[in-house]
Amino acid sequence: LVAWRPGLFPQGFTVEDGQYFSFGLEPRIREGEILSDTERAKLLFNRLGDAPNYAAAQDMEIKRIKDTLKPGQRIGSVLVSCSSRPDYGHAFVTKLKSSGIVIEGEPIVYSAGFMSVPMTEMGEMTMMYNILE
């Protein structure tokens, strides 16, 4: 990465093999004042956790969602955007369902398109959903 874009990263920058990160908002129903677009955008970069491999990162997120949902709550309006590998998204949805998380409606899994290739990592996935009561 550094060789591909010299000068873009600070001295000593590395990304080691086996580093998988989860970013975004903690799964919960937010109450109170509505955040501005800028405030919401900043929250998307919250680092939620690290995992040694892709499967462990997915399991970590499923556990985070499952632990957050209260009895009777479920998720809906599920969108899974994938960078070049929608099969990863379909496999993730299958894991979600088998974990016992109730999903209202049919999740939409899609490839983010050609612009996702230079802007993301191959197989990167983003999931958006609503918590329903």
N, C-alpha and C. Protein backbone atom coordinates (compact mmCIF):
# COMPACT_ATOMS: atom_id res chain seq x y z
N LEU A 1 0.83 -1.18 0.00
CA LEU A 1 0.00 0.00 0.00
C LEU A 1 0.87 1.25 0.00
N VAL A 2 1.89 1.25 0.83
CA VAL A 2 2.78 2.41 0.90
C VAL A 2 3.51 2.58 -0.43
N ALA A 3 3.95 1.46 -1.04
CA ALA A 3 4.64 1.54 -2.32
C ALA A 3 3.70 2.03 -3.42
N TRP A 4 2.44 1.68 -3.31
CA TRP A 4 1.47 2.07 -4.31
C TRP A 4 1.15 3.55 -4.25
N ARG A 5 1.14 4.12 -3.05
CA ARG A 5 0.84 5.54 -2.87
C ARG A 5 1.90 6.18 -1.97
N PRO A 6 3.13 6.34 -2.47
CA PRO A 6 4.18 6.94 -1.63
C PRO A 6 3.81 8.35 -1.21
N GLY A 7 4.10 8.68 0.03
CA GLY A 7 3.82 10.01 0.56
C GLY A 7 2.42 10.17 1.11
N LEU A 8 1.54 9.21 0.87
CA LEU A 8 0.17 9.32 1.35
C LEU A 8 0.05 8.91 2.82
N PHE A 9 0.94 8.03 3.27
CA PHE A 9 0.87 7.50 4.63
C PHE A 9 2.07 7.97 5.44
N PRO A 10 1.91 8.08 6.77
CA PRO A 10 3.02 8.53 7.61
C PRO A 10 4.16 7.51 7.65
N GLN A 11 5.33 7.99 7.99
CA GLN A 11 6.52 7.13 8.11
C GLN A 11 6.23 5.99 9.09
N GLY A 12 6.56 4.77 8.71
CA GLY A 12 6.36 3.63 9.59
C GLY A 12 4.97 3.01 9.52
N PHE A 13 4.11 3.52 8.65
CA PHE A 13 2.75 3.00 8.53
C PHE A 13 2.79 1.55 8.03
N THR A 14 2.04 0.68 8.69
CA THR A 14 1.92 -0.71 8.24
C THR A 14 0.51 -1.22 8.49
N VAL A 15 0.12 -2.18 7.70
CA VAL A 15 -1.08 -2.96 7.95
C VAL A 15 -0.62 -4.40 7.89
N GLU A 16 -0.66 -5.07 9.02
CA GLU A 16 -0.18 -6.44 9.09
C GLU A 16 -1.24 -7.39 8.58
N ASP A 17 -0.79 -8.51 8.00
CA ASP A 17 -1.72 -9.56 7.62
C ASP A 17 -2.44 -10.04 8.87
N GLY A 18 -3.69 -10.37 8.71
CA GLY A 18 -4.45 -10.89 9.84
C GLY A 18 -5.09 -9.82 10.71
N GLN A 19 -5.11 -8.58 10.24
CA GLN A 19 -5.79 -7.52 10.98
C GLN A 19 -7.15 -7.26 10.33
N TYR A 20 -8.19 -7.45 11.11
CA TYR A 20 -9.55 -7.19 10.65
C TYR A 20 -10.20 -6.27 11.66
N PHE A 21 -10.80 -5.20 11.18
CA PHE A 21 -11.37 -4.19 12.06
C PHE A 21 -12.86 -4.04 11.80
N SER A 22 -13.55 -3.61 12.82
CA SER A 22 -14.96 -3.30 12.71
C SER A 22 -15.12 -1.83 13.09
N PHE A 23 -15.81 -1.08 12.23
CA PHE A 23 -16.04 0.34 12.46
C PHE A 23 -17.53 0.62 12.41
N GLY A 24 -17.95 1.67 13.08
CA GLY A 24 -19.33 2.10 12.95
C GLY A 24 -19.97 2.49 14.26
N LEU A 25 -21.27 2.44 14.26
CA LEU A 25 -22.05 2.81 15.43
C LEU A 25 -22.40 1.56 16.22
N GLU A 26 -22.41 1.69 17.53
CA GLU A 26 -22.88 0.60 18.37
C GLU A 26 -24.35 0.35 18.04
N PRO A 27 -24.76 -0.92 17.96
CA PRO A 27 -26.17 -1.18 17.67
C PRO A 27 -27.05 -0.85 18.87
N ARG A 28 -27.89 0.15 18.71
CA ARG A 28 -28.85 0.51 19.76
C ARG A 28 -29.85 1.50 19.18
N ILE A 29 -30.97 1.65 19.84
CA ILE A 29 -31.95 2.65 19.43
C ILE A 29 -31.53 3.97 20.06
N ARG A 30 -31.35 4.98 19.25
CA ARG A 30 -30.92 6.28 19.73
C ARG A 30 -32.13 7.16 20.00
N GLU A 31 -32.09 7.82 21.14
CA GLU A 31 -33.19 8.72 21.51
C GLU A 31 -32.62 10.10 21.76
N GLY A 32 -33.47 11.07 21.77
CA GLY A 32 -33.03 12.43 22.03
C GLY A 32 -32.82 13.20 20.75
N GLU A 33 -31.95 14.18 20.83
CA GLU A 33 -31.71 15.08 19.71
C GLU A 33 -31.17 14.33 18.49
N ILE A 34 -31.67 14.68 17.34
CA ILE A 34 -31.21 14.08 16.09
C ILE A 34 -29.86 14.68 15.74
N LEU A 35 -28.90 13.80 15.42
CA LEU A 35 -27.55 14.26 15.10
C LEU A 35 -27.51 14.86 13.69
N SER A 36 -26.60 15.78 13.50
CA SER A 36 -26.40 16.36 12.17
C SER A 36 -25.70 15.33 11.28
N ASP A 37 -25.71 15.57 9.99
CA ASP A 37 -25.02 14.67 9.06
C ASP A 37 -23.54 14.56 9.41
N THR A 38 -22.92 15.66 9.79
CA THR A 38 -21.50 15.67 10.15
C THR A 38 -21.26 14.83 11.39
N GLU A 39 -22.11 14.97 12.39
CA GLU A 39 -21.96 14.18 13.62
C GLU A 39 -22.13 12.69 13.34
N ARG A 40 -23.10 12.35 12.51
CA ARG A 40 -23.32 10.94 12.16
C ARG A 40 -22.15 10.39 11.37
N ALA A 41 -21.63 11.18 10.43
CA ALA A 41 -20.48 10.73 9.63
C ALA A 41 -19.27 10.43 10.51
N LYS A 42 -19.03 11.25 11.51
CA LYS A 42 -17.90 11.01 12.42
C LYS A 42 -18.06 9.69 13.17
N LEU A 43 -19.30 9.36 13.54
CA LEU A 43 -19.55 8.12 14.29
C LEU A 43 -19.27 6.87 13.45
N LEU A 44 -19.33 7.00 12.14
CA LEU A 44 -19.07 5.85 11.28
C LEU A 44 -17.63 5.35 11.41
N PHE A 45 -16.74 6.20 11.93
CA PHE A 45 -15.34 5.82 12.04
C PHE A 45 -14.96 5.36 13.45
N ASN A 46 -15.95 5.14 14.31
CA ASN A 46 -15.66 4.57 15.63
C ASN A 46 -15.12 3.16 15.44
N ARG A 47 -14.00 2.88 16.04
CA ARG A 47 -13.45 1.53 15.95
C ARG A 47 -14.11 0.68 17.03
N LEU A 48 -14.83 -0.35 16.60
CA LEU A 48 -15.60 -1.19 17.52
C LEU A 48 -14.83 -2.41 17.98
N GLY A 49 -13.90 -2.89 17.18
CA GLY A 49 -13.17 -4.08 17.59
C GLY A 49 -12.20 -4.58 16.55
N ASP A 50 -11.35 -5.52 16.98
CA ASP A 50 -10.36 -6.15 16.12
C ASP A 50 -10.60 -7.66 16.15
N ALA A 51 -10.21 -8.32 15.08
CA ALA A 51 -10.34 -9.77 15.02
C ALA A 51 -9.16 -10.34 14.23
N PRO A 52 -8.80 -11.60 14.51
CA PRO A 52 -7.66 -12.20 13.82
C PRO A 52 -7.97 -12.69 12.41
N ASN A 53 -9.26 -12.83 12.05
CA ASN A 53 -9.61 -13.27 10.71
C ASN A 53 -11.03 -12.79 10.37
N TYR A 54 -11.40 -12.96 9.12
CA TYR A 54 -12.67 -12.44 8.61
C TYR A 54 -13.86 -13.08 9.33
N ALA A 55 -13.80 -14.40 9.51
CA ALA A 55 -14.90 -15.11 10.17
C ALA A 55 -15.07 -14.64 11.61
N ALA A 56 -13.96 -14.43 12.32
CA ALA A 56 -14.03 -13.95 13.71
C ALA A 56 -14.60 -12.54 13.76
N ALA A 57 -14.26 -11.71 12.76
CA ALA A 57 -14.80 -10.34 12.72
C ALA A 57 -16.32 -10.39 12.52
N GLN A 58 -16.78 -11.27 11.66
CA GLN A 58 -18.22 -11.41 11.45
C GLN A 58 -18.90 -11.91 12.72
N ASP A 59 -18.31 -12.91 13.36
CA ASP A 59 -18.88 -13.46 14.60
C ASP A 59 -18.95 -12.39 15.68
N MET A 60 -17.92 -11.53 15.74
CA MET A 60 -17.89 -10.45 16.73
C MET A 60 -19.07 -9.50 16.51
N GLU A 61 -19.34 -9.17 15.25
CA GLU A 61 -20.45 -8.25 14.95
C GLU A 61 -21.80 -8.90 15.24
N ILE A 62 -21.93 -10.16 14.89
CA ILE A 62 -23.19 -10.86 15.17
C ILE A 62 -23.44 -10.88 16.67
N LYS A 63 -22.40 -11.17 17.45
CA LYS A 63 -22.53 -11.18 18.91
C LYS A 63 -22.90 -9.80 19.43
N ARG A 64 -22.29 -8.76 18.87
CA ARG A 64 -22.57 -7.39 19.30
C ARG A 64 -24.06 -7.06 19.06
N ILE A 65 -24.57 -7.44 17.91
CA ILE A 65 -25.98 -7.18 17.60
C ILE A 65 -26.88 -8.01 18.53
N LYS A 66 -26.57 -9.28 18.63
CA LYS A 66 -27.40 -10.19 19.44
C LYS A 66 -27.43 -9.76 20.90
N ASP A 67 -26.29 -9.36 21.44
CA ASP A 67 -26.22 -8.94 22.84
C ASP A 67 -26.96 -7.64 23.09
N THR A 68 -27.11 -6.82 22.06
CA THR A 68 -27.76 -5.52 22.19
C THR A 68 -29.28 -5.62 22.13
N LEU A 69 -29.77 -6.53 21.30
CA LEU A 69 -31.22 -6.62 21.11
C LEU A 69 -31.92 -7.08 22.39
N LYS A 70 -32.98 -6.36 22.73
CA LYS A 70 -33.78 -6.72 23.89
C LYS A 70 -34.86 -7.72 23.44
N PRO A 71 -35.46 -8.44 24.40
CA PRO A 71 -36.52 -9.37 24.02
C PRO A 71 -37.60 -8.67 23.18
N GLY A 72 -37.97 -9.31 22.09
CA GLY A 72 -39.00 -8.76 21.21
C GLY A 72 -38.44 -7.86 20.11
N GLN A 73 -37.18 -7.43 20.23
CA GLN A 73 -36.60 -6.59 19.18
C GLN A 73 -36.05 -7.48 18.06
N ARG A 74 -36.01 -6.90 16.88
CA ARG A 74 -35.50 -7.58 15.70
C ARG A 74 -34.84 -6.53 14.81
N ILE A 75 -34.21 -6.97 13.75
CA ILE A 75 -33.64 -6.00 12.82
C ILE A 75 -34.41 -6.06 11.51
N GLY A 76 -34.44 -4.95 10.81
CA GLY A 76 -35.13 -4.87 9.53
C GLY A 76 -34.45 -3.87 8.62
N SER A 77 -34.93 -3.78 7.39
CA SER A 77 -34.33 -2.91 6.37
C SER A 77 -32.83 -3.19 6.25
N VAL A 78 -32.48 -4.46 6.21
CA VAL A 78 -31.06 -4.86 6.19
C VAL A 78 -30.49 -4.71 4.79
N LEU A 79 -29.42 -3.91 4.69
CA LEU A 79 -28.67 -3.73 3.44
C LEU A 79 -27.24 -4.16 3.69
N VAL A 80 -26.72 -5.03 2.85
CA VAL A 80 -25.33 -5.48 2.96
C VAL A 80 -24.64 -5.15 1.65
N SER A 81 -23.72 -4.20 1.72
CA SER A 81 -22.95 -3.76 0.56
C SER A 81 -21.60 -4.46 0.60
N CYS A 82 -21.21 -5.05 -0.53
CA CYS A 82 -19.96 -5.80 -0.59
C CYS A 82 -19.07 -5.26 -1.69
N SER A 83 -17.78 -5.28 -1.44
CA SER A 83 -16.82 -4.86 -2.45
C SER A 83 -16.41 -6.08 -3.28
N SER A 84 -17.02 -6.23 -4.44
CA SER A 84 -16.70 -7.26 -5.42
C SER A 84 -17.06 -8.68 -5.02
N ARG A 85 -17.52 -8.91 -3.80
CA ARG A 85 -17.81 -10.28 -3.35
C ARG A 85 -19.17 -10.36 -2.66
N PRO A 86 -20.27 -10.25 -3.41
CA PRO A 86 -21.58 -10.36 -2.76
C PRO A 86 -21.80 -11.72 -2.12
N ASP A 87 -21.06 -12.75 -2.56
CA ASP A 87 -21.19 -14.06 -1.91
C ASP A 87 -20.81 -13.98 -0.44
N TYR A 88 -19.88 -13.08 -0.07
CA TYR A 88 -19.53 -12.88 1.34
C TYR A 88 -20.74 -12.32 2.10
N GLY A 89 -21.45 -11.41 1.48
CA GLY A 89 -22.63 -10.82 2.12
C GLY A 89 -23.74 -11.84 2.32
N HIS A 90 -23.96 -12.69 1.32
CA HIS A 90 -24.99 -13.72 1.45
C HIS A 90 -24.61 -14.71 2.55
N ALA A 91 -23.33 -15.06 2.64
CA ALA A 91 -22.87 -15.96 3.70
C ALA A 91 -23.06 -15.31 5.07
N PHE A 92 -22.81 -13.99 5.16
CA PHE A 92 -22.98 -13.28 6.43
C PHE A 92 -24.45 -13.26 6.84
N VAL A 93 -25.34 -13.02 5.90
CA VAL A 93 -26.78 -13.02 6.20
C VAL A 93 -27.20 -14.40 6.70
N THR A 94 -26.67 -15.45 6.10
CA THR A 94 -26.97 -16.81 6.56
C THR A 94 -26.50 -17.00 8.00
N LYS A 95 -25.30 -16.49 8.33
CA LYS A 95 -24.79 -16.57 9.71
C LYS A 95 -25.68 -15.78 10.67
N LEU A 96 -26.12 -14.61 10.24
CA LEU A 96 -27.02 -13.80 11.07
C LEU A 96 -28.29 -14.58 11.41
N LYS A 97 -28.90 -15.14 10.39
CA LYS A 97 -30.15 -15.88 10.59
C LYS A 97 -29.93 -17.09 11.48
N SER A 98 -28.84 -17.82 11.27
CA SER A 98 -28.60 -19.03 12.07
C SER A 98 -28.22 -18.71 13.51
N SER A 99 -27.84 -17.46 13.78
CA SER A 99 -27.50 -17.06 15.15
C SER A 99 -28.73 -16.84 16.02
N GLY A 100 -29.89 -16.79 15.37
CA GLY A 100 -31.12 -16.55 16.11
C GLY A 100 -31.61 -15.11 16.05
N ILE A 101 -30.88 -14.24 15.38
CA ILE A 101 -31.32 -12.85 15.22
C ILE A 101 -32.50 -12.84 14.25
N VAL A 102 -33.60 -12.26 14.67
CA VAL A 102 -34.79 -12.20 13.82
C VAL A 102 -34.64 -11.03 12.85
N ILE A 103 -34.79 -11.34 11.58
CA ILE A 103 -34.69 -10.32 10.53
C ILE A 103 -36.06 -10.18 9.88
N GLU A 104 -36.59 -8.97 9.92
CA GLU A 104 -37.88 -8.69 9.28
C GLU A 104 -37.62 -8.31 7.83
N GLY A 105 -38.32 -8.96 6.93
CA GLY A 105 -38.11 -8.70 5.51
C GLY A 105 -36.90 -9.45 4.99
N GLU A 106 -36.70 -9.38 3.70
CA GLU A 106 -35.57 -10.06 3.08
C GLU A 106 -34.39 -9.10 2.95
N PRO A 107 -33.23 -9.44 3.53
CA PRO A 107 -32.06 -8.58 3.40
C PRO A 107 -31.67 -8.38 1.93
N ILE A 108 -31.18 -7.20 1.63
CA ILE A 108 -30.70 -6.90 0.28
C ILE A 108 -29.17 -6.92 0.33
N VAL A 109 -28.59 -7.80 -0.48
CA VAL A 109 -27.14 -7.92 -0.57
C VAL A 109 -26.76 -7.50 -1.99
N TYR A 110 -25.77 -6.62 -2.10
CA TYR A 110 -25.40 -6.14 -3.43
C TYR A 110 -23.92 -5.79 -3.50
N SER A 111 -23.39 -5.80 -4.71
CA SER A 111 -22.02 -5.37 -4.95
C SER A 111 -22.03 -3.86 -5.03
N ALA A 112 -21.10 -3.22 -4.35
CA ALA A 112 -21.08 -1.77 -4.28
C ALA A 112 -20.69 -1.11 -5.60
N GLY A 113 -20.32 -1.89 -6.58
CA GLY A 113 -20.03 -1.34 -7.90
C GLY A 113 -18.54 -1.08 -8.12
N PHE A 114 -18.25 -0.60 -9.31
CA PHE A 114 -16.85 -0.47 -9.69
C PHE A 114 -16.08 0.54 -8.85
N MET A 115 -16.75 1.54 -8.29
CA MET A 115 -16.04 2.53 -7.47
C MET A 115 -15.60 1.95 -6.12
N SER A 116 -16.22 0.86 -5.70
CA SER A 116 -15.80 0.27 -4.43
C SER A 116 -14.43 -0.39 -4.55
N VAL A 117 -14.05 -0.79 -5.76
CA VAL A 117 -12.78 -1.50 -5.93
C VAL A 117 -11.58 -0.64 -5.53
N PRO A 118 -11.44 0.59 -6.03
CA PRO A 118 -10.27 1.38 -5.61
C PRO A 118 -10.42 2.01 -4.22
N MET A 119 -11.64 2.03 -3.67
CA MET A 119 -11.86 2.74 -2.41
C MET A 119 -11.99 1.83 -1.20
N THR A 120 -12.00 0.52 -1.42
CA THR A 120 -12.16 -0.42 -0.32
C THR A 120 -11.23 -1.61 -0.52
N GLU A 121 -11.30 -2.53 0.39
CA GLU A 121 -10.55 -3.78 0.32
C GLU A 121 -11.44 -4.84 -0.31
N MET A 122 -10.86 -5.71 -1.13
CA MET A 122 -11.63 -6.79 -1.75
C MET A 122 -12.35 -7.60 -0.66
N GLY A 123 -13.65 -7.75 -0.80
CA GLY A 123 -14.43 -8.50 0.17
C GLY A 123 -14.94 -7.68 1.34
N GLU A 124 -14.57 -6.41 1.40
CA GLU A 124 -15.06 -5.55 2.49
C GLU A 124 -16.57 -5.49 2.45
N MET A 125 -17.17 -5.42 3.62
CA MET A 125 -18.60 -5.47 3.72
C MET A 125 -19.11 -4.37 4.65
N THR A 126 -20.24 -3.79 4.31
CA THR A 126 -20.90 -2.79 5.14
C THR A 126 -22.34 -3.24 5.33
N MET A 127 -22.80 -3.23 6.57
CA MET A 127 -24.20 -3.59 6.82
C MET A 127 -24.91 -2.44 7.49
N MET A 128 -26.08 -2.12 6.99
CA MET A 128 -26.94 -1.12 7.59
C MET A 128 -28.27 -1.76 7.91
N TYR A 129 -28.87 -1.37 9.03
CA TYR A 129 -30.14 -1.97 9.43
C TYR A 129 -30.80 -1.08 10.45
N ASN A 130 -32.07 -1.34 10.71
CA ASN A 130 -32.82 -0.68 11.74
C ASN A 130 -33.15 -1.69 12.83
N ILE A 131 -33.18 -1.24 14.07
CA ILE A 131 -33.65 -2.09 15.16
C ILE A 131 -35.14 -1.80 15.32
N LEU A 132 -35.94 -2.84 15.26
CA LEU A 132 -37.39 -2.70 15.33
C LEU A 132 -37.92 -3.25 16.63
N GLU A 133 -38.94 -2.58 17.17
CA GLU A 133 -39.55 -3.04 18.43
C GLU A 133 -40.93 -3.60 18.15
